[in-house]
C-alpha atoms as a PDB file:
ATOM      1  CA  MET A   1      -6.049  67.574 -22.989  1.00  0.00           C
ATOM      2  CA  ASN A   2      -2.786  65.901 -22.036  1.00  0.00           C
ATOM      3  CA  GLU A   3      -3.790  63.201 -19.570  1.00  0.00           C
ATOM      4  CA  ASP A   4      -1.524  60.280 -18.745  1.00  0.00           C
ATOM      5  CA  VAL A   5      -1.980  57.200 -20.932  1.00  0.00           C
ATOM      6  CA  ARG A   6      -0.505  53.759 -21.517  1.00  0.00           C
ATOM      7  CA  LEU A   7       0.735  52.949 -25.018  1.00  0.00           C
ATOM      8  CA  ILE A   8       1.463  49.351 -26.026  1.00  0.00           C
ATOM      9  CA  VAL A   9       3.235  48.939 -29.365  1.00  0.00           C
ATOM     10  CA  TRP A  10       4.336  45.906 -31.365  1.00  0.00           C
ATOM     11  CA  VAL A  11       6.987  46.652 -33.985  1.00  0.00           C
ATOM     12  CA  ARG A  12       7.670  44.119 -36.719  1.00  0.00           C
ATOM     13  CA  GLY A  13      10.492  43.987 -39.242  1.00  0.00           C
ATOM     14  CA  ARG A  14      14.226  43.579 -38.727  1.00  0.00           C
ATOM     15  CA  VAL A  15      14.176  44.989 -35.206  1.00  0.00           C
ATOM     16  CA  GLN A  16      16.128  42.454 -33.152  1.00  0.00           C
ATOM     17  CA  GLY A  17      19.925  42.368 -32.946  1.00  0.00           C
ATOM     18  CA  VAL A  18      20.271  45.882 -34.378  1.00  0.00           C
ATOM     19  CA  GLY A  19      20.139  48.067 -31.243  1.00  0.00           C
ATOM     20  CA  PHE A  20      16.455  48.820 -31.667  1.00  0.00           C
ATOM     21  CA  ARG A  21      15.560  48.499 -27.961  1.00  0.00           C
ATOM     22  CA  TRP A  22      18.535  50.618 -26.910  1.00  0.00           C
ATOM     23  CA  PHE A  23      17.610  53.400 -29.351  1.00  0.00           C
ATOM     24  CA  THR A  24      13.959  53.185 -28.295  1.00  0.00           C
ATOM     25  CA  ARG A  25      14.975  53.659 -24.661  1.00  0.00           C
ATOM     26  CA  ALA A  26      17.309  56.550 -25.565  1.00  0.00           C
ATOM     27  CA  ASN A  27      14.519  58.223 -27.538  1.00  0.00           C
ATOM     28  CA  ALA A  28      11.998  57.725 -24.714  1.00  0.00           C
ATOM     29  CA  LEU A  29      14.451  59.307 -22.250  1.00  0.00           C
ATOM     30  CA  GLU A  30      15.069  62.200 -24.639  1.00  0.00           C
ATOM     31  CA  ILE A  31      11.335  62.807 -25.026  1.00  0.00           C
ATOM     32  CA  GLY A  32      11.027  62.709 -21.239  1.00  0.00           C
ATOM     33  CA  ASP A  33       7.980  61.995 -19.092  1.00  0.00           C
ATOM     34  CA  LEU A  34       7.924  58.338 -20.195  1.00  0.00           C
ATOM     35  CA  ARG A  35       8.162  55.168 -18.147  1.00  0.00           C
ATOM     36  CA  GLY A  36       7.977  51.595 -19.424  1.00  0.00           C
ATOM     37  CA  PHE A  37      10.141  49.190 -21.410  1.00  0.00           C
ATOM     38  CA  ALA A  38      11.191  47.772 -24.765  1.00  0.00           C
ATOM     39  CA  SER A  39      11.410  43.983 -25.026  1.00  0.00           C
ATOM     40  CA  ASN A  40      12.237  41.407 -27.713  1.00  0.00           C
ATOM     41  CA  LEU A  41       9.472  38.878 -28.391  1.00  0.00           C
ATOM     42  CA  ALA A  42      10.047  35.268 -29.440  1.00  0.00           C
ATOM     43  CA  ASP A  43       8.393  35.879 -32.843  1.00  0.00           C
ATOM     44  CA  GLY A  44      10.946  38.540 -33.860  1.00  0.00           C
ATOM     45  CA  ARG A  45       8.909  41.614 -32.941  1.00  0.00           C
ATOM     46  CA  VAL A  46       9.755  44.206 -30.307  1.00  0.00           C
ATOM     47  CA  GLN A  47       7.120  45.204 -27.771  1.00  0.00           C
ATOM     48  CA  VAL A  48       7.243  48.740 -26.395  1.00  0.00           C
ATOM     49  CA  VAL A  49       5.148  49.755 -23.388  1.00  0.00           C
ATOM     50  CA  ALA A  50       5.182  53.434 -22.459  1.00  0.00           C
ATOM     51  CA  GLU A  51       3.268  55.368 -19.840  1.00  0.00           C
ATOM     52  CA  GLY A  52       3.225  59.134 -19.583  1.00  0.00           C
ATOM     53  CA  SER A  53       1.488  62.124 -21.101  1.00  0.00           C
ATOM     54  CA  ARG A  54      -0.443  61.509 -24.311  1.00  0.00           C
ATOM     55  CA  HIS A  55       1.792  64.033 -26.075  1.00  0.00           C
ATOM     56  CA  SER A  56       4.990  62.197 -25.058  1.00  0.00           C
ATOM     57  CA  CYS A  57       3.559  58.797 -26.018  1.00  0.00           C
ATOM     58  CA  GLU A  58       2.480  60.175 -29.406  1.00  0.00           C
ATOM     59  CA  LYS A  59       6.013  61.508 -29.993  1.00  0.00           C
ATOM     60  CA  LEU A  60       7.458  58.058 -29.264  1.00  0.00           C
ATOM     61  CA  LEU A  61       4.905  56.397 -31.557  1.00  0.00           C
ATOM     62  CA  ASP A  62       5.686  58.902 -34.342  1.00  0.00           C
ATOM     63  CA  TRP A  63       9.403  58.079 -34.002  1.00  0.00           C
ATOM     64  CA  LEU A  64       8.715  54.335 -34.156  1.00  0.00           C
ATOM     65  CA  ARG A  65       6.699  54.854 -37.355  1.00  0.00           C
ATOM     66  CA  ALA A  66       9.067  57.358 -38.988  1.00  0.00           C
ATOM     67  CA  GLY A  67      11.637  54.792 -40.091  1.00  0.00           C
ATOM     68  CA  ASP A  68      14.515  56.710 -38.456  1.00  0.00           C
ATOM     69  CA  THR A  69      15.200  53.664 -36.287  1.00  0.00           C
ATOM     70  CA  PRO A  70      17.893  50.980 -36.338  1.00  0.00           C
ATOM     71  CA  GLY A  71      17.083  47.990 -38.531  1.00  0.00           C
ATOM     72  CA  ARG A  72      13.940  48.077 -40.622  1.00  0.00           C
ATOM     73  CA  VAL A  73      10.385  48.651 -39.417  1.00  0.00           C
ATOM     74  CA  ASP A  74       7.781  46.908 -41.569  1.00  0.00           C
ATOM     75  CA  GLY A  75       4.786  47.688 -39.399  1.00  0.00           C
ATOM     76  CA  VAL A  76       3.646  49.147 -36.092  1.00  0.00           C
ATOM     77  CA  THR A  77       0.506  48.146 -34.193  1.00  0.00           C
ATOM     78  CA  GLU A  78      -0.573  50.088 -31.120  1.00  0.00           C
ATOM     79  CA  ILE A  79      -3.167  49.929 -28.370  1.00  0.00           C
ATOM     80  CA  TRP A  80      -4.000  52.824 -26.036  1.00  0.00           C
ATOM     81  CA  ASP A  81      -4.968  52.041 -22.451  1.00  0.00           C
ATOM     82  CA  THR A  82      -5.153  53.420 -18.925  1.00  0.00           C
ATOM     83  CA  PRO A  83      -1.767  53.729 -17.183  1.00  0.00           C
ATOM     84  CA  ARG A  84      -1.037  51.259 -14.399  1.00  0.00           C
ATOM     85  CA  GLY A  85       1.836  53.146 -12.772  1.00  0.00           C
ATOM     86  CA  ALA A  86       4.021  50.052 -12.482  1.00  0.00           C
ATOM     87  CA  TYR A  87       7.236  51.575 -13.904  1.00  0.00           C
ATOM     88  CA  ASP A  88       9.782  53.942 -12.356  1.00  0.00           C
ATOM     89  CA  SER A  89      11.863  54.509 -15.506  1.00  0.00           C
ATOM     90  CA  PHE A  90      12.200  53.331 -19.107  1.00  0.00           C
ATOM     91  CA  ALA A  91      14.047  50.001 -19.290  1.00  0.00           C
ATOM     92  CA  ILE A  92      15.311  47.446 -21.792  1.00  0.00           C
ATOM     93  CA  ARG A  93      14.088  43.917 -21.111  1.00  0.00           C
END
């Protein structure tokens, strides 16, 4: 079962000003089959929205949680949803 899904993630910690969004985009492109974005939020978190196969989204989520990211991740919160198909690629916002 590898249906398309939408993954919304909020990453907290020292994740702004350290290249976190750029590395998230690079990782999403390396995984492949992902569309969406990574964006800084006013409260210091980074929001990541990814649409694609469940397997690809899970790989991205595992990477975000693994700690092999720029900066320091203190916590990751995610919500799974139905894809909306609004993205053509994976962007930095």
